[in-house]
Structures are given as structure tokens and as C-alpha cells.
N, C-alpha and C. Protein backbone atom coordinates (compact mmCIF):
# COMPACT_ATOMS: atom_id res chain seq x y z
N GLN A 1 6.71 -43.14 27.72
CA GLN A 1 8.13 -43.35 27.47
C GLN A 1 8.46 -42.81 26.08
N VAL A 2 9.33 -41.82 26.03
CA VAL A 2 9.72 -41.23 24.75
C VAL A 2 10.92 -41.99 24.20
N GLN A 3 10.84 -42.28 22.92
CA GLN A 3 11.98 -42.87 22.23
C GLN A 3 12.50 -41.88 21.21
N LEU A 4 13.79 -41.68 21.21
CA LEU A 4 14.44 -40.78 20.27
C LEU A 4 15.28 -41.61 19.31
N VAL A 5 15.07 -41.37 18.01
CA VAL A 5 15.81 -42.11 17.00
C VAL A 5 16.48 -41.12 16.06
N GLU A 6 17.81 -41.10 16.13
CA GLU A 6 18.59 -40.22 15.29
C GLU A 6 19.07 -40.96 14.04
N SER A 7 19.20 -40.21 12.95
CA SER A 7 19.68 -40.80 11.70
C SER A 7 20.30 -39.72 10.83
N GLY A 8 20.95 -40.15 9.76
CA GLY A 8 21.50 -39.22 8.80
C GLY A 8 22.99 -39.01 8.88
N GLY A 9 23.63 -39.61 9.86
CA GLY A 9 25.07 -39.47 9.96
C GLY A 9 25.80 -40.25 8.89
N GLY A 10 27.10 -40.13 8.88
CA GLY A 10 27.91 -40.85 7.91
C GLY A 10 29.28 -40.24 7.80
N LEU A 11 29.93 -40.56 6.70
CA LEU A 11 31.28 -40.07 6.44
C LEU A 11 31.19 -38.92 5.44
N ALA A 12 31.84 -37.82 5.76
CA ALA A 12 31.87 -36.66 4.87
C ALA A 12 33.29 -36.11 4.82
N GLN A 13 33.60 -35.46 3.73
CA GLN A 13 34.88 -34.78 3.62
C GLN A 13 34.77 -33.39 4.22
N ALA A 14 35.88 -32.88 4.64
CA ALA A 14 35.89 -31.51 5.15
C ALA A 14 35.32 -30.57 4.08
N GLY A 15 34.46 -29.68 4.54
CA GLY A 15 33.77 -28.78 3.62
C GLY A 15 32.44 -29.31 3.12
N GLY A 16 32.16 -30.56 3.40
CA GLY A 16 30.93 -31.18 2.94
C GLY A 16 29.76 -30.91 3.87
N SER A 17 28.65 -31.58 3.57
CA SER A 17 27.41 -31.36 4.31
C SER A 17 26.75 -32.69 4.67
N LEU A 18 26.01 -32.66 5.75
CA LEU A 18 25.16 -33.77 6.17
C LEU A 18 23.91 -33.18 6.80
N ARG A 19 22.82 -33.93 6.74
CA ARG A 19 21.58 -33.52 7.40
C ARG A 19 21.13 -34.62 8.34
N LEU A 20 21.06 -34.29 9.60
CA LEU A 20 20.64 -35.24 10.61
C LEU A 20 19.15 -35.07 10.91
N SER A 21 18.52 -36.18 11.26
CA SER A 21 17.11 -36.16 11.67
C SER A 21 16.96 -36.87 13.00
N CYS A 22 15.97 -36.44 13.75
CA CYS A 22 15.66 -37.10 15.02
C CYS A 22 14.15 -37.15 15.17
N VAL A 23 13.63 -38.35 15.30
CA VAL A 23 12.19 -38.54 15.48
C VAL A 23 11.92 -38.94 16.92
N ALA A 24 10.96 -38.26 17.52
CA ALA A 24 10.54 -38.56 18.90
C ALA A 24 9.20 -39.27 18.86
N SER A 25 9.14 -40.42 19.45
CA SER A 25 7.88 -41.17 19.49
C SER A 25 7.43 -41.34 20.92
N GLY A 26 6.17 -41.47 21.12
CA GLY A 26 5.64 -41.72 22.45
C GLY A 26 5.12 -40.48 23.14
N ARG A 27 5.44 -39.34 22.62
CA ARG A 27 4.95 -38.09 23.22
C ARG A 27 5.04 -36.98 22.19
N ILE A 28 4.04 -36.11 22.20
CA ILE A 28 4.10 -34.96 21.30
C ILE A 28 5.14 -34.00 21.84
N PHE A 29 6.09 -33.63 21.00
CA PHE A 29 7.19 -32.84 21.52
C PHE A 29 7.07 -31.36 21.17
N SER A 30 5.93 -30.95 20.61
CA SER A 30 5.81 -29.59 20.13
C SER A 30 5.96 -28.53 21.23
N ASP A 31 5.70 -28.89 22.47
CA ASP A 31 5.80 -27.92 23.56
C ASP A 31 7.22 -27.78 24.11
N TYR A 32 8.11 -28.62 23.66
CA TYR A 32 9.45 -28.68 24.23
C TYR A 32 10.49 -27.98 23.35
N THR A 33 11.44 -27.31 24.01
CA THR A 33 12.65 -26.89 23.32
C THR A 33 13.48 -28.14 23.06
N MET A 34 13.89 -28.31 21.81
CA MET A 34 14.68 -29.48 21.43
C MET A 34 16.10 -29.06 21.07
N GLY A 35 17.01 -29.96 21.31
CA GLY A 35 18.40 -29.64 21.04
C GLY A 35 19.15 -30.80 20.41
N TRP A 36 20.26 -30.46 19.81
CA TRP A 36 21.24 -31.45 19.34
C TRP A 36 22.47 -31.35 20.23
N TYR A 37 23.02 -32.51 20.52
CA TYR A 37 24.22 -32.63 21.33
C TYR A 37 25.20 -33.51 20.57
N ARG A 38 26.46 -33.46 20.95
CA ARG A 38 27.44 -34.35 20.34
C ARG A 38 28.49 -34.77 21.35
N GLN A 39 29.03 -35.97 21.11
CA GLN A 39 30.06 -36.51 21.99
C GLN A 39 31.19 -37.06 21.13
N ALA A 40 32.33 -36.41 21.22
CA ALA A 40 33.52 -36.87 20.52
C ALA A 40 34.21 -37.93 21.36
N PRO A 41 35.03 -38.78 20.75
CA PRO A 41 35.72 -39.84 21.50
C PRO A 41 36.52 -39.28 22.66
N GLY A 42 36.30 -39.85 23.84
CA GLY A 42 37.04 -39.44 25.02
C GLY A 42 36.60 -38.13 25.63
N LYS A 43 35.52 -37.56 25.13
CA LYS A 43 35.06 -36.27 25.65
C LYS A 43 33.64 -36.38 26.17
N GLN A 44 33.20 -35.38 26.91
CA GLN A 44 31.84 -35.37 27.42
C GLN A 44 30.88 -34.96 26.32
N ARG A 45 29.62 -35.25 26.53
CA ARG A 45 28.60 -34.84 25.58
C ARG A 45 28.31 -33.35 25.75
N ASP A 46 28.33 -32.61 24.66
CA ASP A 46 28.15 -31.17 24.70
C ASP A 46 26.96 -30.77 23.84
N TRP A 47 26.37 -29.67 24.24
CA TRP A 47 25.25 -29.11 23.49
C TRP A 47 25.78 -28.43 22.23
N VAL A 48 25.01 -28.51 21.13
CA VAL A 48 25.40 -27.93 19.85
C VAL A 48 24.42 -26.84 19.40
N ALA A 49 23.13 -27.15 19.48
CA ALA A 49 22.12 -26.21 19.00
C ALA A 49 20.79 -26.53 19.65
N ARG A 50 19.93 -25.53 19.74
CA ARG A 50 18.59 -25.80 20.26
C ARG A 50 17.57 -24.91 19.56
N ILE A 51 16.31 -25.36 19.61
CA ILE A 51 15.22 -24.63 18.97
C ILE A 51 14.00 -24.70 19.87
N THR A 52 13.39 -23.56 20.11
CA THR A 52 12.21 -23.53 20.96
C THR A 52 10.99 -24.01 20.18
N SER A 53 9.90 -24.17 20.88
CA SER A 53 8.66 -24.58 20.23
C SER A 53 8.19 -23.52 19.23
N ALA A 54 8.60 -22.27 19.45
CA ALA A 54 8.23 -21.17 18.56
C ALA A 54 9.21 -21.00 17.41
N GLY A 55 10.28 -21.78 17.42
CA GLY A 55 11.24 -21.71 16.33
C GLY A 55 12.44 -20.82 16.55
N LEU A 56 12.62 -20.32 17.76
CA LEU A 56 13.80 -19.52 18.07
C LEU A 56 14.99 -20.45 18.24
N THR A 57 16.12 -20.05 17.69
CA THR A 57 17.28 -20.94 17.69
C THR A 57 18.48 -20.32 18.41
N LYS A 58 19.36 -21.21 18.86
CA LYS A 58 20.60 -20.77 19.48
C LYS A 58 21.65 -21.82 19.17
N TYR A 59 22.89 -21.36 18.98
CA TYR A 59 23.97 -22.26 18.57
C TYR A 59 25.21 -22.08 19.42
N GLU A 60 25.91 -23.18 19.59
CA GLU A 60 27.23 -23.13 20.21
C GLU A 60 28.15 -22.38 19.25
N ASP A 61 29.11 -21.65 19.79
CA ASP A 61 29.91 -20.74 18.98
C ASP A 61 30.61 -21.44 17.81
N SER A 62 31.11 -22.64 18.01
CA SER A 62 31.92 -23.28 16.97
C SER A 62 31.10 -23.70 15.75
N VAL A 63 29.78 -23.73 15.86
CA VAL A 63 28.96 -24.16 14.73
C VAL A 63 28.13 -23.03 14.14
N LYS A 64 28.19 -21.86 14.75
CA LYS A 64 27.41 -20.73 14.23
C LYS A 64 27.79 -20.44 12.78
N GLY A 65 26.76 -20.23 11.96
CA GLY A 65 26.99 -19.94 10.55
C GLY A 65 27.21 -21.17 9.69
N ARG A 66 27.37 -22.34 10.32
CA ARG A 66 27.59 -23.58 9.58
C ARG A 66 26.44 -24.57 9.75
N PHE A 67 25.88 -24.63 10.95
CA PHE A 67 24.80 -25.57 11.27
C PHE A 67 23.48 -24.81 11.38
N THR A 68 22.40 -25.49 10.99
CA THR A 68 21.06 -24.93 11.12
C THR A 68 20.13 -25.98 11.71
N ILE A 69 19.50 -25.63 12.81
CA ILE A 69 18.54 -26.53 13.44
C ILE A 69 17.13 -26.12 13.01
N SER A 70 16.28 -27.09 12.79
CA SER A 70 14.89 -26.81 12.43
C SER A 70 14.02 -27.94 12.98
N ARG A 71 12.72 -27.75 12.91
CA ARG A 71 11.82 -28.77 13.44
C ARG A 71 10.54 -28.81 12.64
N ASP A 72 9.92 -29.98 12.66
CA ASP A 72 8.60 -30.18 12.05
C ASP A 72 7.75 -30.83 13.12
N ASN A 73 6.94 -30.03 13.79
CA ASN A 73 6.17 -30.55 14.91
C ASN A 73 5.13 -31.58 14.46
N ALA A 74 4.62 -31.44 13.26
CA ALA A 74 3.65 -32.40 12.76
C ALA A 74 4.25 -33.79 12.61
N LYS A 75 5.55 -33.83 12.42
CA LYS A 75 6.26 -35.10 12.25
C LYS A 75 7.06 -35.49 13.49
N ASN A 76 6.94 -34.70 14.55
CA ASN A 76 7.73 -34.96 15.77
C ASN A 76 9.21 -35.12 15.44
N THR A 77 9.71 -34.28 14.57
CA THR A 77 11.07 -34.43 14.07
C THR A 77 11.84 -33.13 14.18
N VAL A 78 13.09 -33.26 14.58
CA VAL A 78 14.01 -32.13 14.61
C VAL A 78 15.18 -32.46 13.70
N TYR A 79 15.68 -31.45 12.99
CA TYR A 79 16.74 -31.64 12.01
C TYR A 79 17.97 -30.82 12.38
N LEU A 80 19.10 -31.25 11.85
CA LEU A 80 20.32 -30.46 11.95
C LEU A 80 21.02 -30.51 10.60
N GLN A 81 20.98 -29.39 9.91
CA GLN A 81 21.70 -29.26 8.65
C GLN A 81 23.11 -28.79 8.96
N MET A 82 24.08 -29.58 8.55
CA MET A 82 25.47 -29.28 8.86
C MET A 82 26.22 -29.02 7.56
N ASN A 83 26.70 -27.81 7.40
CA ASN A 83 27.48 -27.42 6.23
C ASN A 83 28.90 -27.07 6.63
N SER A 84 29.77 -26.97 5.63
CA SER A 84 31.18 -26.60 5.88
C SER A 84 31.76 -27.43 7.02
N LEU A 85 31.55 -28.72 6.94
CA LEU A 85 31.99 -29.60 8.02
C LEU A 85 33.50 -29.58 8.19
N LYS A 86 33.92 -29.74 9.44
CA LYS A 86 35.34 -29.76 9.80
C LYS A 86 35.64 -31.08 10.51
N PRO A 87 36.90 -31.53 10.46
CA PRO A 87 37.25 -32.77 11.18
C PRO A 87 36.87 -32.72 12.65
N GLU A 88 36.93 -31.56 13.27
CA GLU A 88 36.57 -31.45 14.68
C GLU A 88 35.07 -31.61 14.94
N ASP A 89 34.27 -31.69 13.89
CA ASP A 89 32.84 -31.99 14.06
C ASP A 89 32.59 -33.49 14.22
N THR A 90 33.62 -34.29 14.06
CA THR A 90 33.48 -35.74 14.21
C THR A 90 33.03 -36.09 15.62
N ALA A 91 31.91 -36.80 15.70
CA ALA A 91 31.31 -37.14 16.99
C ALA A 91 30.07 -37.99 16.75
N VAL A 92 29.54 -38.52 17.84
CA VAL A 92 28.20 -39.10 17.79
C VAL A 92 27.22 -37.99 18.16
N TYR A 93 26.21 -37.81 17.36
CA TYR A 93 25.24 -36.74 17.55
C TYR A 93 23.93 -37.31 18.10
N TYR A 94 23.39 -36.61 19.09
CA TYR A 94 22.17 -37.01 19.76
C TYR A 94 21.19 -35.83 19.79
N CYS A 95 19.91 -36.14 19.91
CA CYS A 95 18.93 -35.10 20.17
C CYS A 95 18.27 -35.38 21.52
N ASN A 96 17.70 -34.35 22.10
CA ASN A 96 16.98 -34.46 23.35
C ASN A 96 16.37 -33.09 23.64
N THR A 97 15.66 -32.98 24.73
CA THR A 97 15.16 -31.67 25.12
C THR A 97 16.35 -30.79 25.53
N ALA A 98 16.12 -29.52 25.53
CA ALA A 98 17.18 -28.57 25.86
C ALA A 98 16.57 -27.39 26.63
N PRO A 99 17.37 -26.70 27.44
CA PRO A 99 18.79 -26.89 27.64
C PRO A 99 19.16 -28.07 28.52
N SER A 100 18.20 -28.66 29.20
CA SER A 100 18.48 -29.88 29.96
C SER A 100 17.74 -31.05 29.32
N HIS A 101 18.41 -32.19 29.25
CA HIS A 101 17.75 -33.35 28.66
C HIS A 101 16.89 -34.01 29.72
N ILE A 102 15.64 -34.32 29.34
CA ILE A 102 14.72 -34.95 30.29
C ILE A 102 14.30 -36.34 29.85
N TRP A 103 14.65 -36.70 28.64
CA TRP A 103 14.30 -38.02 28.13
C TRP A 103 15.55 -38.90 28.03
N SER A 104 15.33 -40.19 27.94
CA SER A 104 16.46 -41.10 27.77
C SER A 104 17.13 -40.84 26.42
N TRP A 105 18.43 -41.00 26.39
CA TRP A 105 19.16 -40.79 25.14
C TRP A 105 18.87 -41.90 24.14
N GLY A 106 18.84 -41.52 22.87
CA GLY A 106 18.77 -42.51 21.81
C GLY A 106 20.15 -43.09 21.54
N GLN A 107 20.25 -43.81 20.44
CA GLN A 107 21.53 -44.45 20.12
C GLN A 107 22.50 -43.49 19.45
N GLY A 108 21.99 -42.36 19.00
CA GLY A 108 22.85 -41.38 18.34
C GLY A 108 23.15 -41.77 16.90
N THR A 109 23.78 -40.84 16.19
CA THR A 109 24.20 -41.12 14.82
C THR A 109 25.62 -40.60 14.65
N GLN A 110 26.47 -41.44 14.12
CA GLN A 110 27.90 -41.12 13.99
C GLN A 110 28.15 -40.22 12.80
N VAL A 111 28.88 -39.15 13.04
CA VAL A 111 29.34 -38.25 11.99
C VAL A 111 30.86 -38.28 11.99
N THR A 112 31.44 -38.60 10.86
CA THR A 112 32.89 -38.64 10.72
C THR A 112 33.29 -37.74 9.57
N VAL A 113 34.15 -36.78 9.85
CA VAL A 113 34.60 -35.83 8.84
C VAL A 113 36.09 -36.03 8.60
N SER A 114 36.42 -36.33 7.36
CA SER A 114 37.83 -36.56 7.01
C SER A 114 38.43 -35.29 6.43
N SER A 115 39.71 -35.13 6.69
CA SER A 115 40.40 -33.92 6.22
C SER A 115 40.93 -34.10 4.81
């Protein structure tokens, strides 16, 4: 049973930065492509970024050039560095495998960006 624990969210001003972390316990995740997803109030959960086990990355268009996904397989951790934040980035952020999630969702971490 894999447990995903996201952290690092909070309140930021537009133009600011936050760094999210996600630790996976219960299974070595180095063989999996990992992704970050987000769910804004009243909307479905959408994919934001993903990184393969080899470190290849892909981003949703609205975050390209602003967000950077990375991973540390030794720590079973995936990160999301978010720069130049916009109010529309406000959401609960989750990590999971990608492009399809195969593990249970964690509790997520709330990111709120004020204008």
C-alpha cells in the first residue's frame, strides 16, 4: 500500500514562489513516471507536470516556463518548484503516478495565490 504525502503549500502573492514536496512510502517509486495534479474549487482534478524515471519532463501549457518538476529517487520524493505564481494557480495540489494515477490519492496541499 503506497502512501503519498504532499507538503509545501501555503499562501503566496502573485509573482511569488512555492516549492511542493511529495513523499511516497510503502513502495520504491523509482521505476514510475510521477506527476503533479491540481484541483481548483468546483473543477476536476487536472494534470500539471510529470517526470519519467529517467528525468524527462513534460508540462501542461499554462505552467510551462514557470513550474519545474524534479525527483530524488533515493528519498522517494518528487518536487514541484512553482515560480511566477498567478491567482489561477490556486488549487489543491496532489502527486501520483502519471499519466494515469495508480495509487490512492494523498490529502494534497493547498496553494492559494492572492492578486
